[in-house]
Amino acid sequence: MEGNAINIDPNVSVEFEVFGKVQGCAFTKYCKELCEQQCVMGWIKNTKKGTIAGKLQGKKSRVEQIIYWLSNTGSPGCKVERCDLMNWQMLAKPDYTNFSIRF
């Protein structure tokens, strides 16, 4: 850090996995739209075991808004049981330039 500048909203990276009835209800599409609105980068995909997994990167406050949505709201018709978070990191800048749905 130069001088006395303190980054109050640093870039962060976190991996997530959402459990519950989350496939077949456009969860990935809604998440992608929300991330694009919030300028959060990364990716999301359906897993073979019926969960949804992905990675979020961006300003901490915005990433936390997405995590809240993943954990509590989700897409219409879904039933989120829980959202596990792994590998929190601070980033100088995001590794990704957009948010994508992986297949």
PDB file of N, CA and C in Angstrom:
ATOM      1  N   MET A   1       0.836  -1.190   0.000  1.00  0.00           N
ATOM      2  CA  MET A   1       0.000   0.000   0.000  1.00  0.00           C
ATOM      3  C   MET A   1       0.873   1.244   0.000  1.00  0.00           C
ATOM      4  N   GLU A   2       0.509   2.164  -0.821  1.00  0.00           N
ATOM      5  CA  GLU A   2       1.251   3.427  -0.847  1.00  0.00           C
ATOM      6  C   GLU A   2       0.597   4.418   0.103  1.00  0.00           C
ATOM      7  N   GLY A   3       1.418   5.175   0.803  1.00  0.00           N
ATOM      8  CA  GLY A   3       0.892   6.203   1.699  1.00  0.00           C
ATOM      9  C   GLY A   3      -0.023   5.603   2.742  1.00  0.00           C
ATOM     10  N   ASN A   4      -1.101   6.319   3.015  1.00  0.00           N
ATOM     11  CA  ASN A   4      -2.052   5.856   4.022  1.00  0.00           C
ATOM     12  C   ASN A   4      -3.317   5.270   3.399  1.00  0.00           C
ATOM     13  N   ALA A   5      -3.255   4.958   2.107  1.00  0.00           N
ATOM     14  CA  ALA A   5      -4.436   4.426   1.426  1.00  0.00           C
ATOM     15  C   ALA A   5      -4.790   3.053   1.992  1.00  0.00           C
ATOM     16  N   ILE A   6      -6.042   2.895   2.372  1.00  0.00           N
ATOM     17  CA  ILE A   6      -6.535   1.605   2.839  1.00  0.00           C
ATOM     18  C   ILE A   6      -7.670   1.219   1.904  1.00  0.00           C
ATOM     19  N   ASN A   7      -7.546   0.033   1.330  1.00  0.00           N
ATOM     20  CA  ASN A   7      -8.582  -0.437   0.424  1.00  0.00           C
ATOM     21  C   ASN A   7      -9.722  -1.016   1.247  1.00  0.00           C
ATOM     22  N   ILE A   8     -10.809  -0.248   1.373  1.00  0.00           N
ATOM     23  CA  ILE A   8     -11.923  -0.692   2.210  1.00  0.00           C
ATOM     24  C   ILE A   8     -12.810  -1.712   1.504  1.00  0.00           C
ATOM     25  N   ASP A   9     -12.658  -1.886   0.206  1.00  0.00           N
ATOM     26  CA  ASP A   9     -13.435  -2.878  -0.529  1.00  0.00           C
ATOM     27  C   ASP A   9     -12.494  -3.635  -1.469  1.00  0.00           C
ATOM     28  N   PRO A  10     -11.658  -4.513  -0.911  1.00  0.00           N
ATOM     29  CA  PRO A  10     -10.654  -5.197  -1.734  1.00  0.00           C
ATOM     30  C   PRO A  10     -11.277  -6.205  -2.688  1.00  0.00           C
ATOM     31  N   ASN A  11     -10.512  -6.578  -3.707  1.00  0.00           N
ATOM     32  CA  ASN A  11     -10.919  -7.672  -4.582  1.00  0.00           C
ATOM     33  C   ASN A  11     -10.687  -8.987  -3.865  1.00  0.00           C
ATOM     34  N   VAL A  12     -11.690  -9.860  -3.940  1.00  0.00           N
ATOM     35  CA  VAL A  12     -11.585 -11.171  -3.316  1.00  0.00           C
ATOM     36  C   VAL A  12     -11.973 -12.245  -4.331  1.00  0.00           C
ATOM     37  N   SER A  13     -11.624 -13.469  -3.987  1.00  0.00           N
ATOM     38  CA  SER A  13     -11.985 -14.638  -4.786  1.00  0.00           C
ATOM     39  C   SER A  13     -12.495 -15.698  -3.821  1.00  0.00           C
ATOM     40  N   VAL A  14     -13.571 -16.384  -4.188  1.00  0.00           N
ATOM     41  CA  VAL A  14     -14.087 -17.466  -3.352  1.00  0.00           C
ATOM     42  C   VAL A  14     -14.763 -18.504  -4.252  1.00  0.00           C
ATOM     43  N   GLU A  15     -14.587 -19.768  -3.907  1.00  0.00           N
ATOM     44  CA  GLU A  15     -15.282 -20.860  -4.584  1.00  0.00           C
ATOM     45  C   GLU A  15     -16.515 -21.200  -3.767  1.00  0.00           C
ATOM     46  N   PHE A  16     -17.563 -21.677  -4.463  1.00  0.00           N
ATOM     47  CA  PHE A  16     -18.801 -22.009  -3.747  1.00  0.00           C
ATOM     48  C   PHE A  16     -19.418 -23.281  -4.303  1.00  0.00           C
ATOM     49  N   GLU A  17     -20.251 -23.909  -3.466  1.00  0.00           N
ATOM     50  CA  GLU A  17     -21.076 -25.038  -3.902  1.00  0.00           C
ATOM     51  C   GLU A  17     -22.418 -24.905  -3.206  1.00  0.00           C
ATOM     52  N   VAL A  18     -23.494 -24.918  -4.002  1.00  0.00           N
ATOM     53  CA  VAL A  18     -24.847 -24.739  -3.490  1.00  0.00           C
ATOM     54  C   VAL A  18     -25.554 -26.088  -3.505  1.00  0.00           C
ATOM     55  N   PHE A  19     -26.150 -26.438  -2.365  1.00  0.00           N
ATOM     56  CA  PHE A  19     -26.857 -27.706  -2.201  1.00  0.00           C
ATOM     57  C   PHE A  19     -28.352 -27.454  -2.079  1.00  0.00           C
ATOM     58  N   GLY A  20     -29.152 -28.435  -2.489  1.00  0.00           N
ATOM     59  CA  GLY A  20     -30.603 -28.342  -2.408  1.00  0.00           C
ATOM     60  C   GLY A  20     -31.212 -28.672  -3.753  1.00  0.00           C
ATOM     61  N   LYS A  21     -32.451 -28.214  -3.960  1.00  0.00           N
ATOM     62  CA  LYS A  21     -33.092 -28.382  -5.276  1.00  0.00           C
ATOM     63  C   LYS A  21     -32.709 -27.144  -6.086  1.00  0.00           C
ATOM     64  N   VAL A  22     -31.557 -27.236  -6.754  1.00  0.00           N
ATOM     65  CA  VAL A  22     -31.016 -26.057  -7.423  1.00  0.00           C
ATOM     66  C   VAL A  22     -30.789 -26.260  -8.922  1.00  0.00           C
ATOM     67  N   GLN A  23     -30.970 -27.482  -9.400  1.00  0.00           N
ATOM     68  CA  GLN A  23     -30.848 -27.714 -10.847  1.00  0.00           C
ATOM     69  C   GLN A  23     -32.248 -27.796 -11.449  1.00  0.00           C
ATOM     70  N   GLY A  24     -32.352 -27.385 -12.708  1.00  0.00           N
ATOM     71  CA  GLY A  24     -33.642 -27.426 -13.397  1.00  0.00           C
ATOM     72  C   GLY A  24     -34.540 -26.243 -13.071  1.00  0.00           C
ATOM     73  N   CYS A  25     -33.973 -25.175 -12.504  1.00  0.00           N
ATOM     74  CA  CYS A  25     -34.773 -23.988 -12.166  1.00  0.00           C
ATOM     75  C   CYS A  25     -34.044 -22.702 -12.576  1.00  0.00           C
ATOM     76  N   ALA A  26     -33.231 -22.803 -13.626  1.00  0.00           N
ATOM     77  CA  ALA A  26     -32.528 -21.638 -14.202  1.00  0.00           C
ATOM     78  C   ALA A  26     -31.621 -20.941 -13.204  1.00  0.00           C
ATOM     79  N   PHE A  27     -31.127 -21.679 -12.221  1.00  0.00           N
ATOM     80  CA  PHE A  27     -30.270 -21.101 -11.176  1.00  0.00           C
ATOM     81  C   PHE A  27     -29.023 -20.457 -11.770  1.00  0.00           C
ATOM     82  N   THR A  28     -28.371 -21.172 -12.699  1.00  0.00           N
ATOM     83  CA  THR A  28     -27.126 -20.646 -13.276  1.00  0.00           C
ATOM     84  C   THR A  28     -27.392 -19.373 -14.077  1.00  0.00           C
ATOM     85  N   LYS A  29     -28.503 -19.331 -14.800  1.00  0.00           N
ATOM     86  CA  LYS A  29     -28.842 -18.154 -15.606  1.00  0.00           C
ATOM     87  C   LYS A  29     -29.096 -16.936 -14.709  1.00  0.00           C
ATOM     88  N   TYR A  30     -29.881 -17.125 -13.658  1.00  0.00           N
ATOM     89  CA  TYR A  30     -30.170 -16.019 -12.737  1.00  0.00           C
ATOM     90  C   TYR A  30     -28.895 -15.536 -12.049  1.00  0.00           C
ATOM     91  N   CYS A  31     -28.033 -16.483 -11.653  1.00  0.00           N
ATOM     92  CA  CYS A  31     -26.793 -16.099 -10.993  1.00  0.00           C
ATOM     93  C   CYS A  31     -25.898 -15.310 -11.942  1.00  0.00           C
ATOM     94  N   LYS A  32     -25.802 -15.741 -13.189  1.00  0.00           N
ATOM     95  CA  LYS A  32     -24.984 -15.039 -14.179  1.00  0.00           C
ATOM     96  C   LYS A  32     -25.483 -13.597 -14.356  1.00  0.00           C
ATOM     97  N   GLU A  33     -26.806 -13.426 -14.472  1.00  0.00           N
ATOM     98  CA  GLU A  33     -27.374 -12.081 -14.647  1.00  0.00           C
ATOM     99  C   GLU A  33     -27.067 -11.199 -13.435  1.00  0.00           C
ATOM    100  N   LEU A  34     -27.203 -11.766 -12.232  1.00  0.00           N
ATOM    101  CA  LEU A  34     -26.937 -11.004 -11.018  1.00  0.00           C
ATOM    102  C   LEU A  34     -25.460 -10.620 -10.936  1.00  0.00           C
ATOM    103  N   CYS A  35     -24.581 -11.554 -11.251  1.00  0.00           N
ATOM    104  CA  CYS A  35     -23.143 -11.261 -11.211  1.00  0.00           C
ATOM    105  C   CYS A  35     -22.774 -10.180 -12.221  1.00  0.00           C
ATOM    106  N   GLU A  36     -23.379 -10.233 -13.410  1.00  0.00           N
ATOM    107  CA  GLU A  36     -23.103  -9.205 -14.419  1.00  0.00           C
ATOM    108  C   GLU A  36     -23.575  -7.832 -13.929  1.00  0.00           C
ATOM    109  N   GLN A  37     -24.742  -7.780 -13.280  1.00  0.00           N
ATOM    110  CA  GLN A  37     -25.239  -6.509 -12.735  1.00  0.00           C
ATOM    111  C   GLN A  37     -24.294  -5.964 -11.663  1.00  0.00           C
ATOM    112  N   GLN A  38     -23.698  -6.861 -10.875  1.00  0.00           N
ATOM    113  CA  GLN A  38     -22.836  -6.464  -9.751  1.00  0.00           C
ATOM    114  C   GLN A  38     -21.358  -6.357 -10.130  1.00  0.00           C
ATOM    115  N   CYS A  39     -21.035  -6.575 -11.412  1.00  0.00           N
ATOM    116  CA  CYS A  39     -19.637  -6.545 -11.877  1.00  0.00           C
ATOM    117  C   CYS A  39     -18.775  -7.571 -11.140  1.00  0.00           C
ATOM    118  N   VAL A  40     -19.354  -8.750 -10.893  1.00  0.00           N
ATOM    119  CA  VAL A  40     -18.625  -9.860 -10.289  1.00  0.00           C
ATOM    120  C   VAL A  40     -18.240 -10.824 -11.395  1.00  0.00           C
ATOM    121  N   MET A  41     -16.968 -11.236 -11.406  1.00  0.00           N
ATOM    122  CA  MET A  41     -16.443 -12.126 -12.443  1.00  0.00           C
ATOM    123  C   MET A  41     -16.393 -13.560 -11.922  1.00  0.00           C
ATOM    124  N   GLY A  42     -16.209 -14.508 -12.861  1.00  0.00           N
ATOM    125  CA  GLY A  42     -16.038 -15.900 -12.461  1.00  0.00           C
ATOM    126  C   GLY A  42     -16.837 -16.834 -13.335  1.00  0.00           C
ATOM    127  N   TRP A  43     -17.331 -17.917 -12.713  1.00  0.00           N
ATOM    128  CA  TRP A  43     -18.068 -18.927 -13.470  1.00  0.00           C
ATOM    129  C   TRP A  43     -18.977 -19.720 -12.539  1.00  0.00           C
ATOM    130  N   ILE A  44     -19.918 -20.457 -13.178  1.00  0.00           N
ATOM    131  CA  ILE A  44     -20.871 -21.302 -12.454  1.00  0.00           C
ATOM    132  C   ILE A  44     -21.195 -22.497 -13.328  1.00  0.00           C
ATOM    133  N   LYS A  45     -21.501 -23.628 -12.701  1.00  0.00           N
ATOM    134  CA  LYS A  45     -21.890 -24.811 -13.473  1.00  0.00           C
ATOM    135  C   LYS A  45     -22.711 -25.763 -12.619  1.00  0.00           C
ATOM    136  N   ASN A  46     -23.504 -26.606 -13.296  1.00  0.00           N
ATOM    137  CA  ASN A  46     -24.186 -27.724 -12.652  1.00  0.00           C
ATOM    138  C   ASN A  46     -23.164 -28.838 -12.459  1.00  0.00           C
ATOM    139  N   THR A  47     -23.216 -29.525 -11.320  1.00  0.00           N
ATOM    140  CA  THR A  47     -22.327 -30.662 -11.102  1.00  0.00           C
ATOM    141  C   THR A  47     -23.092 -31.962 -11.339  1.00  0.00           C
ATOM    142  N   LYS A  48     -22.346 -33.032 -11.514  1.00  0.00           N
ATOM    143  CA  LYS A  48     -22.966 -34.335 -11.732  1.00  0.00           C
ATOM    144  C   LYS A  48     -23.719 -34.829 -10.500  1.00  0.00           C
ATOM    145  N   LYS A  49     -23.367 -34.298  -9.327  1.00  0.00           N
ATOM    146  CA  LYS A  49     -24.028 -34.764  -8.096  1.00  0.00           C
ATOM    147  C   LYS A  49     -25.244 -33.917  -7.708  1.00  0.00           C
ATOM    148  N   GLY A  50     -25.696 -33.045  -8.613  1.00  0.00           N
ATOM    149  CA  GLY A  50     -26.931 -32.308  -8.378  1.00  0.00           C
ATOM    150  C   GLY A  50     -26.775 -30.986  -7.658  1.00  0.00           C
ATOM    151  N   THR A  51     -25.530 -30.555  -7.469  1.00  0.00           N
ATOM    152  CA  THR A  51     -25.288 -29.259  -6.840  1.00  0.00           C
ATOM    153  C   THR A  51     -24.906 -28.246  -7.911  1.00  0.00           C
ATOM    154  N   ILE A  52     -24.653 -27.034  -7.484  1.00  0.00           N
ATOM    155  CA  ILE A  52     -24.147 -25.991  -8.378  1.00  0.00           C
ATOM    156  C   ILE A  52     -22.847 -25.483  -7.781  1.00  0.00           C
ATOM    157  N   ALA A  53     -21.813 -25.407  -8.605  1.00  0.00           N
ATOM    158  CA  ALA A  53     -20.497 -24.982  -8.130  1.00  0.00           C
ATOM    159  C   ALA A  53     -20.008 -23.827  -8.981  1.00  0.00           C
ATOM    160  N   GLY A  54     -19.076 -23.061  -8.415  1.00  0.00           N
ATOM    161  CA  GLY A  54     -18.514 -21.966  -9.183  1.00  0.00           C
ATOM    162  C   GLY A  54     -17.475 -21.193  -8.408  1.00  0.00           C
ATOM    163  N   LYS A  55     -17.085 -20.079  -9.015  1.00  0.00           N
ATOM    164  CA  LYS A  55     -16.078 -19.210  -8.426  1.00  0.00           C
ATOM    165  C   LYS A  55     -16.501 -17.768  -8.661  1.00  0.00           C
ATOM    166  N   LEU A  56     -16.387 -16.950  -7.597  1.00  0.00           N
ATOM    167  CA  LEU A  56     -16.724 -15.532  -7.672  1.00  0.00           C
ATOM    168  C   LEU A  56     -15.476 -14.716  -7.447  1.00  0.00           C
ATOM    169  N   GLN A  57     -15.321 -13.636  -8.216  1.00  0.00           N
ATOM    170  CA  GLN A  57     -14.215 -12.714  -8.019  1.00  0.00           C
ATOM    171  C   GLN A  57     -14.711 -11.293  -8.243  1.00  0.00           C
ATOM    172  N   GLY A  58     -14.291 -10.399  -7.355  1.00  0.00           N
ATOM    173  CA  GLY A  58     -14.670  -9.000  -7.492  1.00  0.00           C
ATOM    174  C   GLY A  58     -14.547  -8.293  -6.163  1.00  0.00           C
ATOM    175  N   LYS A  59     -15.123  -7.096  -6.100  1.00  0.00           N
ATOM    176  CA  LYS A  59     -15.110  -6.326  -4.866  1.00  0.00           C
ATOM    177  C   LYS A  59     -15.813  -7.119  -3.760  1.00  0.00           C
ATOM    178  N   LYS A  60     -15.208  -7.123  -2.565  1.00  0.00           N
ATOM    179  CA  LYS A  60     -15.714  -7.939  -1.458  1.00  0.00           C
ATOM    180  C   LYS A  60     -17.189  -7.676  -1.179  1.00  0.00           C
ATOM    181  N   SER A  61     -17.606  -6.408  -1.151  1.00  0.00           N
ATOM    182  CA  SER A  61     -19.003  -6.085  -0.839  1.00  0.00           C
ATOM    183  C   SER A  61     -19.957  -6.681  -1.878  1.00  0.00           C
ATOM    184  N   ARG A  62     -19.542  -6.679  -3.134  1.00  0.00           N
ATOM    185  CA  ARG A  62     -20.398  -7.217  -4.203  1.00  0.00           C
ATOM    186  C   ARG A  62     -20.410  -8.743  -4.181  1.00  0.00           C
ATOM    187  N   VAL A  63     -19.251  -9.342  -3.931  1.00  0.00           N
ATOM    188  CA  VAL A  63     -19.179 -10.803  -3.815  1.00  0.00           C
ATOM    189  C   VAL A  63     -20.063 -11.270  -2.654  1.00  0.00           C
ATOM    190  N   GLU A  64     -20.045 -10.527  -1.543  1.00  0.00           N
ATOM    191  CA  GLU A  64     -20.884 -10.884  -0.397  1.00  0.00           C
ATOM    192  C   GLU A  64     -22.372 -10.810  -0.728  1.00  0.00           C
ATOM    193  N   GLN A  65     -22.764  -9.863  -1.589  1.00  0.00           N
ATOM    194  CA  GLN A  65     -24.171  -9.789  -2.022  1.00  0.00           C
ATOM    195  C   GLN A  65     -24.551 -11.041  -2.819  1.00  0.00           C
ATOM    196  N   ILE A  66     -23.642 -11.503  -3.677  1.00  0.00           N
ATOM    197  CA  ILE A  66     -23.909 -12.713  -4.460  1.00  0.00           C
ATOM    198  C   ILE A  66     -23.983 -13.923  -3.529  1.00  0.00           C
ATOM    199  N   ILE A  67     -23.079 -14.005  -2.555  1.00  0.00           N
ATOM    200  CA  ILE A  67     -23.098 -15.115  -1.598  1.00  0.00           C
ATOM    201  C   ILE A  67     -24.416 -15.136  -0.832  1.00  0.00           C
ATOM    202  N   TYR A  68     -24.899 -13.965  -0.442  1.00  0.00           N
ATOM    203  CA  TYR A  68     -26.198 -13.902   0.247  1.00  0.00           C
ATOM    204  C   TYR A  68     -27.296 -14.477  -0.658  1.00  0.00           C
ATOM    205  N   TRP A  69     -27.292 -14.085  -1.927  1.00  0.00           N
ATOM    206  CA  TRP A  69     -28.285 -14.585  -2.885  1.00  0.00           C
ATOM    207  C   TRP A  69     -28.148 -16.100  -3.039  1.00  0.00           C
ATOM    208  N   LEU A  70     -26.920 -16.598  -3.201  1.00  0.00           N
ATOM    209  CA  LEU A  70     -26.681 -18.036  -3.352  1.00  0.00           C
ATOM    210  C   LEU A  70     -27.166 -18.809  -2.130  1.00  0.00           C
ATOM    211  N   SER A  71     -27.001 -18.229  -0.945  1.00  0.00           N
ATOM    212  CA  SER A  71     -27.293 -18.922   0.312  1.00  0.00           C
ATOM    213  C   SER A  71     -28.759 -18.824   0.721  1.00  0.00           C
ATOM    214  N   ASN A  72     -29.426 -17.730   0.346  1.00  0.00           N
ATOM    215  CA  ASN A  72     -30.753 -17.445   0.905  1.00  0.00           C
ATOM    216  C   ASN A  72     -31.876 -17.295  -0.109  1.00  0.00           C
ATOM    217  N   THR A  73     -31.577 -16.866  -1.317  1.00  0.00           N
ATOM    218  CA  THR A  73     -32.628 -16.524  -2.267  1.00  0.00           C
ATOM    219  C   THR A  73     -32.683 -17.536  -3.403  1.00  0.00           C
ATOM    220  N   GLY A  74     -31.666 -17.498  -4.264  1.00  0.00           N
ATOM    221  CA  GLY A  74     -31.646 -18.396  -5.414  1.00  0.00           C
ATOM    222  C   GLY A  74     -32.686 -18.018  -6.443  1.00  0.00           C
ATOM    223  N   SER A  75     -32.812 -18.844  -7.454  1.00  0.00           N
ATOM    224  CA  SER A  75     -33.750 -18.556  -8.545  1.00  0.00           C
ATOM    225  C   SER A  75     -35.162 -18.990  -8.162  1.00  0.00           C
ATOM    226  N   PRO A  76     -36.177 -18.453  -8.872  1.00  0.00           N
ATOM    227  CA  PRO A  76     -37.557 -18.859  -8.581  1.00  0.00           C
ATOM    228  C   PRO A  76     -37.713 -20.379  -8.720  1.00  0.00           C
ATOM    229  N   GLY A  77     -38.362 -20.994  -7.750  1.00  0.00           N
ATOM    230  CA  GLY A  77     -38.625 -22.435  -7.806  1.00  0.00           C
ATOM    231  C   GLY A  77     -37.527 -23.301  -7.220  1.00  0.00           C
ATOM    232  N   CYS A  78     -36.413 -22.720  -6.861  1.00  0.00           N
ATOM    233  CA  CYS A  78     -35.344 -23.537  -6.273  1.00  0.00           C
ATOM    234  C   CYS A  78     -35.545 -23.615  -4.756  1.00  0.00           C
ATOM    235  N   LYS A  79     -34.848 -24.554  -4.131  1.00  0.00           N
ATOM    236  CA  LYS A  79     -34.865 -24.663  -2.669  1.00  0.00           C
ATOM    237  C   LYS A  79     -33.424 -24.853  -2.213  1.00  0.00           C
ATOM    238  N   VAL A  80     -32.807 -23.764  -1.755  1.00  0.00           N
ATOM    239  CA  VAL A  80     -31.417 -23.808  -1.311  1.00  0.00           C
ATOM    240  C   VAL A  80     -31.354 -24.397   0.097  1.00  0.00           C
ATOM    241  N   GLU A  81     -30.566 -25.450   0.270  1.00  0.00           N
ATOM    242  CA  GLU A  81     -30.334 -26.015   1.602  1.00  0.00           C
ATOM    243  C   GLU A  81     -29.152 -25.327   2.270  1.00  0.00           C
ATOM    244  N   ARG A  82     -28.053 -25.196   1.525  1.00  0.00           N
ATOM    245  CA  ARG A  82     -26.883 -24.509   2.070  1.00  0.00           C
ATOM    246  C   ARG A  82     -25.934 -24.132   0.946  1.00  0.00           C
ATOM    247  N   CYS A  83     -25.023 -23.223   1.249  1.00  0.00           N
ATOM    248  CA  CYS A  83     -23.981 -22.812   0.313  1.00  0.00           C
ATOM    249  C   CYS A  83     -22.648 -22.890   1.042  1.00  0.00           C
ATOM    250  N   ASP A  84     -21.793 -23.799   0.594  1.00  0.00           N
ATOM    251  CA  ASP A  84     -20.457 -23.938   1.176  1.00  0.00           C
ATOM    252  C   ASP A  84     -19.481 -23.025   0.446  1.00  0.00           C
ATOM    253  N   LEU A  85     -18.618 -22.362   1.204  1.00  0.00           N
ATOM    254  CA  LEU A  85     -17.610 -21.455   0.644  1.00  0.00           C
ATOM    255  C   LEU A  85     -16.224 -22.015   0.938  1.00  0.00           C
ATOM    256  N   MET A  86     -15.347 -21.983  -0.071  1.00  0.00           N
ATOM    257  CA  MET A  86     -13.998 -22.513   0.080  1.00  0.00           C
ATOM    258  C   MET A  86     -12.995 -21.544  -0.546  1.00  0.00           C
ATOM    259  N   ASN A  87     -11.775 -21.585  -0.052  1.00  0.00           N
ATOM    260  CA  ASN A  87     -10.632 -20.909  -0.692  1.00  0.00           C
ATOM    261  C   ASN A  87     -10.808 -19.403  -0.863  1.00  0.00           C
ATOM    262  N   TRP A  88     -11.182 -18.701   0.224  1.00  0.00           N
ATOM    263  CA  TRP A  88     -11.224 -17.238   0.191  1.00  0.00           C
ATOM    264  C   TRP A  88      -9.814 -16.715  -0.053  1.00  0.00           C
ATOM    265  N   GLN A  89      -9.668 -15.760  -0.945  1.00  0.00           N
ATOM    266  CA  GLN A  89      -8.368 -15.144  -1.201  1.00  0.00           C
ATOM    267  C   GLN A  89      -8.564 -13.661  -1.480  1.00  0.00           C
ATOM    268  N   MET A  90      -7.538 -12.884  -1.164  1.00  0.00           N
ATOM    269  CA  MET A  90      -7.488 -11.483  -1.571  1.00  0.00           C
ATOM    270  C   MET A  90      -6.796 -11.443  -2.930  1.00  0.00           C
ATOM    271  N   LEU A  91      -7.263 -10.590  -3.833  1.00  0.00           N
ATOM    272  CA  LEU A  91      -6.691 -10.487  -5.172  1.00  0.00           C
ATOM    273  C   LEU A  91      -6.273  -9.061  -5.463  1.00  0.00           C
ATOM    274  N   ALA A  92      -5.189  -8.905  -6.190  1.00  0.00           N
ATOM    275  CA  ALA A  92      -4.835  -7.577  -6.697  1.00  0.00           C
ATOM    276  C   ALA A  92      -5.878  -7.159  -7.725  1.00  0.00           C
ATOM    277  N   LYS A  93      -6.224  -8.090  -8.615  1.00  0.00           N
ATOM    278  CA  LYS A  93      -7.318  -7.868  -9.570  1.00  0.00           C
ATOM    279  C   LYS A  93      -7.879  -9.230  -9.974  1.00  0.00           C
ATOM    280  N   PRO A  94      -9.152  -9.278 -10.398  1.00  0.00           N
ATOM    281  CA  PRO A  94      -9.748 -10.562 -10.766  1.00  0.00           C
ATOM    282  C   PRO A  94      -8.988 -11.249 -11.909  1.00  0.00           C
ATOM    283  N   ASP A  95      -8.975 -12.585 -11.874  1.00  0.00           N
ATOM    284  CA  ASP A  95      -8.368 -13.385 -12.946  1.00  0.00           C
ATOM    285  C   ASP A  95      -9.278 -13.458 -14.169  1.00  0.00           C
ATOM    286  N   TYR A  96     -10.571 -13.255 -13.958  1.00  0.00           N
ATOM    287  CA  TYR A  96     -11.554 -13.391 -15.033  1.00  0.00           C
ATOM    288  C   TYR A  96     -11.984 -12.014 -15.532  1.00  0.00           C
ATOM    289  N   THR A  97     -12.416 -11.947 -16.777  1.00  0.00           N
ATOM    290  CA  THR A  97     -12.882 -10.679 -17.343  1.00  0.00           C
ATOM    291  C   THR A  97     -14.396 -10.637 -17.504  1.00  0.00           C
ATOM    292  N   ASN A  98     -15.076 -11.769 -17.202  1.00  0.00           N
ATOM    293  CA  ASN A  98     -16.535 -11.815 -17.305  1.00  0.00           C
ATOM    294  C   ASN A  98     -17.054 -12.917 -16.389  1.00  0.00           C
ATOM    295  N   PHE A  99     -18.356 -13.179 -16.466  1.00  0.00           N
ATOM    296  CA  PHE A  99     -18.956 -14.269 -15.704  1.00  0.00           C
ATOM    297  C   PHE A  99     -19.568 -15.225 -16.708  1.00  0.00           C
ATOM    298  N   SER A 100     -19.223 -16.512 -16.606  1.00  0.00           N
ATOM    299  CA  SER A 100     -19.687 -17.475 -17.607  1.00  0.00           C
ATOM    300  C   SER A 100     -20.368 -18.676 -16.964  1.00  0.00           C
ATOM    301  N   ILE A 101     -21.226 -19.312 -17.747  1.00  0.00           N
ATOM    302  CA  ILE A 101     -21.821 -20.586 -17.363  1.00  0.00           C
ATOM    303  C   ILE A 101     -21.006 -21.670 -18.046  1.00  0.00           C
ATOM    304  N   ARG A 102     -20.475 -22.587 -17.267  1.00  0.00           N
ATOM    305  CA  ARG A 102     -19.686 -23.686 -17.817  1.00  0.00           C
ATOM    306  C   ARG A 102     -20.561 -24.929 -17.961  1.00  0.00           C
ATOM    307  N   PHE A 103     -20.233 -25.738 -18.958  1.00  0.00           N
ATOM    308  CA  PHE A 103     -21.001 -26.966 -19.201  1.00  0.00           C
ATOM    309  C   PHE A 103     -20.118 -28.170 -19.112  1.00  0.00           C
TER     310      PHE A 103
END
